[in-house]
Protein backbone atom coordinates (compact mmCIF):
# COMPACT_ATOMS: atom_id res chain seq x y z
CA MET A 1 -40.35 137.02 109.95
CA ASN A 2 -37.33 139.15 109.49
CA TYR A 3 -34.78 139.24 106.39
CA ILE A 4 -32.70 136.04 106.81
CA GLU A 5 -36.02 133.67 107.55
CA ASN A 6 -38.05 135.19 105.06
CA LEU A 7 -35.04 134.28 102.14
CA PHE A 8 -34.54 131.08 103.80
CA SER A 9 -38.25 129.90 105.10
CA LEU A 10 -39.61 126.67 103.37
CA SER A 11 -42.49 127.36 105.40
CA GLY A 12 -46.08 126.00 103.71
CA LYS A 13 -43.91 124.01 101.48
CA VAL A 14 -44.18 120.34 100.70
CA ALA A 15 -40.74 118.56 99.67
CA LEU A 16 -40.48 114.76 98.57
CA VAL A 17 -36.91 113.18 99.27
CA ILE A 18 -36.37 110.11 97.41
CA GLY A 19 -34.36 107.98 99.12
CA GLY A 20 -34.79 109.78 102.33
CA SER A 21 -34.02 106.58 104.25
CA GLY A 22 -30.31 106.62 103.54
CA VAL A 23 -27.05 108.89 105.49
CA LEU A 24 -27.70 111.94 103.61
CA GLY A 25 -31.09 111.70 102.56
CA SER A 26 -32.28 111.77 105.73
CA GLU A 27 -30.38 115.12 107.21
CA ILE A 28 -31.47 116.74 103.76
CA ALA A 29 -34.91 115.55 104.51
CA LEU A 30 -34.28 117.13 108.29
CA SER A 31 -33.08 120.44 107.36
CA LEU A 32 -35.70 120.88 105.20
CA ALA A 33 -38.36 119.94 107.76
CA LYS A 34 -36.69 122.44 110.66
CA ALA A 35 -36.55 125.10 107.53
CA GLY A 36 -40.57 124.69 107.74
CA ALA A 37 -41.54 122.69 104.83
CA LYS A 38 -43.74 119.20 105.51
CA VAL A 39 -41.32 116.55 104.31
CA GLY A 40 -42.28 113.09 102.32
CA VAL A 41 -39.61 110.71 103.30
CA PHE A 42 -39.38 107.90 100.08
CA TYR A 43 -37.84 104.83 100.74
CA SER A 44 -37.71 101.35 98.92
CA GLY A 45 -36.17 98.87 100.75
CA ASN A 46 -34.93 100.50 103.98
CA LYS A 47 -38.22 101.31 106.00
CA LYS A 48 -36.83 101.25 109.42
CA GLY A 49 -34.60 104.24 107.72
CA ALA A 50 -37.58 105.92 106.88
CA GLN A 51 -39.65 105.33 109.54
CA ASP A 52 -36.13 107.02 111.75
CA CYS A 53 -35.87 109.88 109.43
CA VAL A 54 -39.59 110.86 110.17
CA ASN A 55 -39.20 110.47 113.84
CA SER A 56 -36.62 112.65 114.01
CA ILE A 57 -38.61 115.38 112.15
CA GLU A 58 -41.30 114.78 114.53
CA LYS A 59 -39.30 115.12 117.41
CA ILE A 60 -38.44 118.79 116.45
CA GLY A 61 -42.37 119.23 116.11
CA GLY A 62 -42.27 118.89 112.46
CA LYS A 63 -44.45 117.41 109.62
CA ALA A 64 -43.44 113.69 108.20
CA ALA A 65 -44.73 110.71 106.29
CA ILE A 66 -43.18 107.57 104.53
CA PHE A 67 -43.92 106.82 101.16
CA LYS A 68 -42.65 103.48 99.59
CA ALA A 69 -41.63 103.23 96.02
CA ASP A 70 -39.52 101.53 93.36
CA ALA A 71 -37.32 104.31 91.69
CA ARG A 72 -37.02 101.90 88.76
CA SER A 73 -40.93 102.19 88.44
CA GLU A 74 -42.52 105.48 86.98
CA ASN A 75 -45.96 103.38 87.99
CA GLU A 76 -45.33 103.26 91.55
CA ILE A 77 -43.51 106.50 92.02
CA GLY A 78 -46.45 108.24 90.75
CA SER A 79 -48.97 106.16 92.68
CA SER A 80 -47.05 107.78 95.74
CA ILE A 81 -47.02 111.20 94.69
CA ASP A 82 -50.14 110.86 94.14
CA GLU A 83 -51.01 109.61 98.02
CA VAL A 84 -48.74 112.79 98.83
CA ILE A 85 -51.30 115.06 96.99
CA LYS A 86 -54.15 113.86 98.69
CA LEU A 87 -52.22 114.13 101.94
CA TRP A 88 -50.60 117.74 101.55
CA GLY A 89 -52.48 119.03 98.41
CA GLU A 90 -49.41 119.72 96.41
CA ILE A 91 -45.34 119.63 96.19
CA HIS A 92 -43.24 122.35 95.64
CA ILE A 93 -39.71 120.24 95.83
CA LEU A 94 -37.47 117.11 95.05
CA VAL A 95 -35.21 115.99 96.04
CA ASN A 96 -33.71 113.07 94.33
CA ALA A 97 -30.89 111.46 96.55
CA PRO A 98 -30.91 107.66 95.31
CA GLY A 99 -27.68 105.98 95.44
CA VAL A 100 -26.36 102.51 94.43
CA ASN A 101 -22.80 102.06 94.31
CA SER A 102 -20.42 98.64 93.40
CA THR A 103 -16.93 98.02 93.54
CA THR A 104 -16.78 95.66 91.03
CA PRO A 105 -13.81 96.00 88.65
CA VAL A 106 -14.78 97.05 84.75
CA MET A 107 -13.84 93.82 83.11
CA ASP A 108 -16.12 92.06 85.59
CA ILE A 109 -19.35 94.25 85.43
CA THR A 110 -22.08 92.27 84.58
CA GLU A 111 -24.99 93.09 82.56
CA GLU A 112 -27.39 93.29 85.43
CA GLU A 113 -25.57 95.22 87.49
CA TRP A 114 -24.90 97.43 85.21
CA ASP A 115 -28.80 98.08 84.34
CA LYS A 116 -29.63 98.33 88.61
CA ILE A 117 -27.12 100.95 89.14
CA ILE A 118 -27.86 102.68 86.23
CA ASP A 119 -31.82 102.43 86.45
CA ILE A 120 -31.90 103.42 89.84
CA ASN A 121 -29.54 106.70 90.28
CA LEU A 122 -30.57 108.08 86.62
CA LYS A 123 -33.65 106.49 85.46
CA GLY A 124 -35.36 106.26 88.72
CA ALA A 125 -34.29 110.29 89.24
CA PHE A 126 -35.55 111.04 85.72
CA TRP A 127 -38.85 109.85 86.63
CA ALA A 128 -39.83 111.43 89.82
CA CYS A 129 -38.60 114.66 87.99
CA ARG A 130 -40.89 114.18 85.13
CA VAL A 131 -43.86 112.82 87.99
CA VAL A 132 -43.20 115.73 89.97
CA ALA A 133 -42.82 118.55 87.56
CA SER A 134 -46.44 117.83 85.66
CA LYS A 135 -48.19 118.20 89.08
CA MET A 136 -46.44 121.17 89.42
CA ILE A 137 -47.42 122.18 85.95
CA LYS A 138 -51.09 120.92 86.14
CA GLN A 139 -51.19 123.25 89.65
CA ASN A 140 -49.09 126.17 88.77
CA ILE A 141 -46.69 125.99 91.19
CA LYS A 142 -42.70 127.40 91.21
CA GLY A 143 -41.22 124.26 92.28
CA SER A 144 -37.64 123.32 92.65
CA ILE A 145 -35.80 120.21 92.06
CA ILE A 146 -32.95 119.02 93.54
CA ASN A 147 -30.74 116.13 92.33
CA ILE A 148 -27.97 114.83 94.35
CA SER A 149 -25.05 113.97 92.28
CA SER A 150 -21.41 113.05 92.93
CA ALA A 151 -17.82 114.43 92.65
CA SER A 152 -16.80 111.48 90.86
CA SER A 153 -19.30 112.88 88.07
CA GLU A 154 -16.58 115.41 87.63
CA ILE A 155 -13.76 113.32 87.73
CA PRO A 156 -12.65 109.86 87.48
CA LEU A 157 -11.90 107.83 90.76
CA SER A 158 -11.07 104.08 91.01
CA LYS A 159 -13.94 101.67 91.95
CA VAL A 160 -16.98 103.38 91.43
CA PHE A 161 -17.22 103.14 87.52
CA THR A 162 -20.72 102.63 86.97
CA TYR A 163 -22.29 104.74 89.99
CA SER A 164 -19.88 107.58 88.65
CA ILE A 165 -21.52 107.39 84.81
CA SER A 166 -25.17 107.30 86.62
CA LYS A 167 -24.21 110.68 88.35
CA SER A 168 -22.41 112.15 84.93
CA GLY A 169 -25.73 111.34 83.14
CA MET A 170 -27.64 113.35 86.27
CA ASN A 171 -25.87 116.29 85.85
CA ASN A 172 -26.24 116.67 81.88
CA MET A 173 -30.03 115.82 82.69
CA THR A 174 -30.18 118.70 85.08
CA ARG A 175 -29.37 120.67 82.70
CA PHE A 176 -31.54 119.84 79.86
CA LEU A 177 -34.68 119.56 82.33
CA ALA A 178 -33.60 123.54 83.56
CA ARG A 179 -34.27 124.09 80.28
CA GLU A 180 -37.00 121.98 79.18
CA TRP A 181 -39.54 123.33 82.62
CA ALA A 182 -37.74 127.14 82.91
CA GLN A 183 -41.41 128.22 80.80
CA HIS A 184 -42.85 126.66 83.74
CA SER A 185 -40.74 128.39 86.17
CA ILE A 186 -39.64 125.27 87.44
CA ARG A 187 -35.88 125.14 88.48
CA VAL A 188 -33.57 122.23 88.53
CA ASN A 189 -30.18 122.26 89.63
CA ALA A 190 -27.62 119.29 91.01
CA LEU A 191 -25.95 119.35 94.51
CA ILE A 192 -21.96 117.86 93.83
CA PRO A 193 -20.77 116.64 97.23
CA GLY A 194 -17.35 115.37 97.79
CA PHE A 195 -16.75 112.55 100.43
CA PHE A 196 -19.37 111.71 103.08
CA PRO A 197 -19.69 108.83 105.05
CA ALA A 198 -22.54 107.75 103.28
CA GLU A 199 -23.61 103.95 102.95
CA GLN A 200 -23.22 103.65 99.32
CA ASN A 201 -19.07 104.52 100.02
CA ARG A 202 -18.24 103.81 103.41
CA LYS A 203 -17.72 99.63 102.92
CA ILE A 204 -14.84 100.78 100.48
CA LEU A 205 -13.01 103.58 102.61
CA THR A 206 -10.05 101.48 103.69
CA ASN A 207 -7.58 103.33 106.00
CA GLU A 208 -5.39 103.87 102.52
CA ARG A 209 -8.31 105.14 100.89
CA THR A 210 -9.37 108.07 103.48
CA GLU A 211 -5.43 108.92 103.35
CA SER A 212 -6.07 109.08 99.43
CA VAL A 213 -8.86 111.52 99.77
CA PHE A 214 -7.83 113.25 102.80
CA ASN A 215 -4.17 114.25 100.62
CA HIS A 216 -6.79 115.30 97.41
CA THR A 217 -9.23 117.18 99.62
CA PRO A 218 -8.00 120.85 100.55
CA LEU A 219 -10.48 120.79 103.89
CA LYS A 220 -8.41 117.29 104.78
CA ARG A 221 -11.47 115.48 106.16
CA PHE A 222 -15.07 113.97 105.40
CA GLY A 223 -17.96 116.13 104.92
CA GLU A 224 -21.22 115.92 107.81
CA PRO A 225 -23.84 115.04 106.19
CA SER A 226 -25.10 117.99 107.97
CA GLU A 227 -22.77 120.25 105.75
CA LEU A 228 -25.01 119.83 103.02
CA SER A 229 -28.00 121.20 104.30
CA GLY A 230 -27.50 125.09 103.94
CA ALA A 231 -26.62 124.29 99.72
CA VAL A 232 -30.41 122.29 100.08
CA ILE A 233 -31.91 124.99 101.57
CA TRP A 234 -30.82 127.71 99.36
CA LEU A 235 -31.70 125.51 96.10
CA ALA A 236 -34.99 124.86 97.86
CA SER A 237 -35.93 128.29 98.56
CA ASN A 238 -37.83 130.42 95.33
CA HIS A 239 -37.03 133.48 97.35
CA ALA A 240 -33.55 132.81 97.84
CA SER A 241 -32.41 131.10 94.63
CA SER A 242 -34.63 132.28 92.22
CA PHE A 243 -32.68 132.98 89.28
CA VAL A 244 -30.36 130.05 90.00
CA THR A 245 -31.09 126.78 87.31
CA GLY A 246 -28.94 124.63 85.13
CA SER A 247 -26.50 124.53 87.77
CA LEU A 248 -24.49 122.49 89.41
CA VAL A 249 -23.35 123.24 92.87
CA THR A 250 -20.03 121.57 94.67
CA VAL A 251 -20.32 121.03 98.59
CA ASP A 252 -16.67 118.94 98.31
CA GLY A 253 -14.23 120.54 100.73
CA GLY A 254 -12.17 121.15 97.13
CA PHE A 255 -12.07 117.90 96.24
CA THR A 256 -13.01 118.91 92.55
CA ALA A 257 -10.61 122.04 92.97
CA MET A 258 -7.65 119.75 93.59
CA SER A 259 -4.82 119.19 91.14
CA ILE A 260 -1.03 118.39 92.01
């Protein structure tokens, strides 16, 4: 194995992707598999998307399996993670990629809608972090946790109010957990994508909004899901990013760096 392969290889590692049935989550799962990891694809409702992801991984000779769990339930997440341990013995990498959004105007948001988005995007991510970290600590594993945030967590965007708040909370949680678990050699970082054509934002990307996004993005385009792969593999590797924890890594075509 040459220097570059050794630096980024995830051979022998086990990775979990919460929200692996979605556009971004499935691409992340595939990239982890390409780097050599066995991948657990977690879903709550979209079983077909999860199975399609597993099929894509198996097609390239990788190993993957699907697991069902409601992100809002620590018990369900814990039970499914126990299934992963029974299957593969240990967990080295966790990617939290939940993404529920709503375009409801601020004054019309109901308590039910607020709770759903916050519970899935933020509370669910915390449950997964805590359950997986407890397994890593028990087995003395130097692990990597990667939380998928959003560019809207950094600057206020229209039509994504509650979603943006949940992702801002995820950023802060990432830093807290990085500090909490550094003593156990568990690194916790967040990836901040810009505008990618994923499920939660495609329905609000009108021609007018698309033009506005492009005018605010120096690279003048949307990101492709595969363009997250390099950052994910880097953060997942204990060789390439061994001294990186508590960081918010932005992959947004320059969106959050743009002003006037």
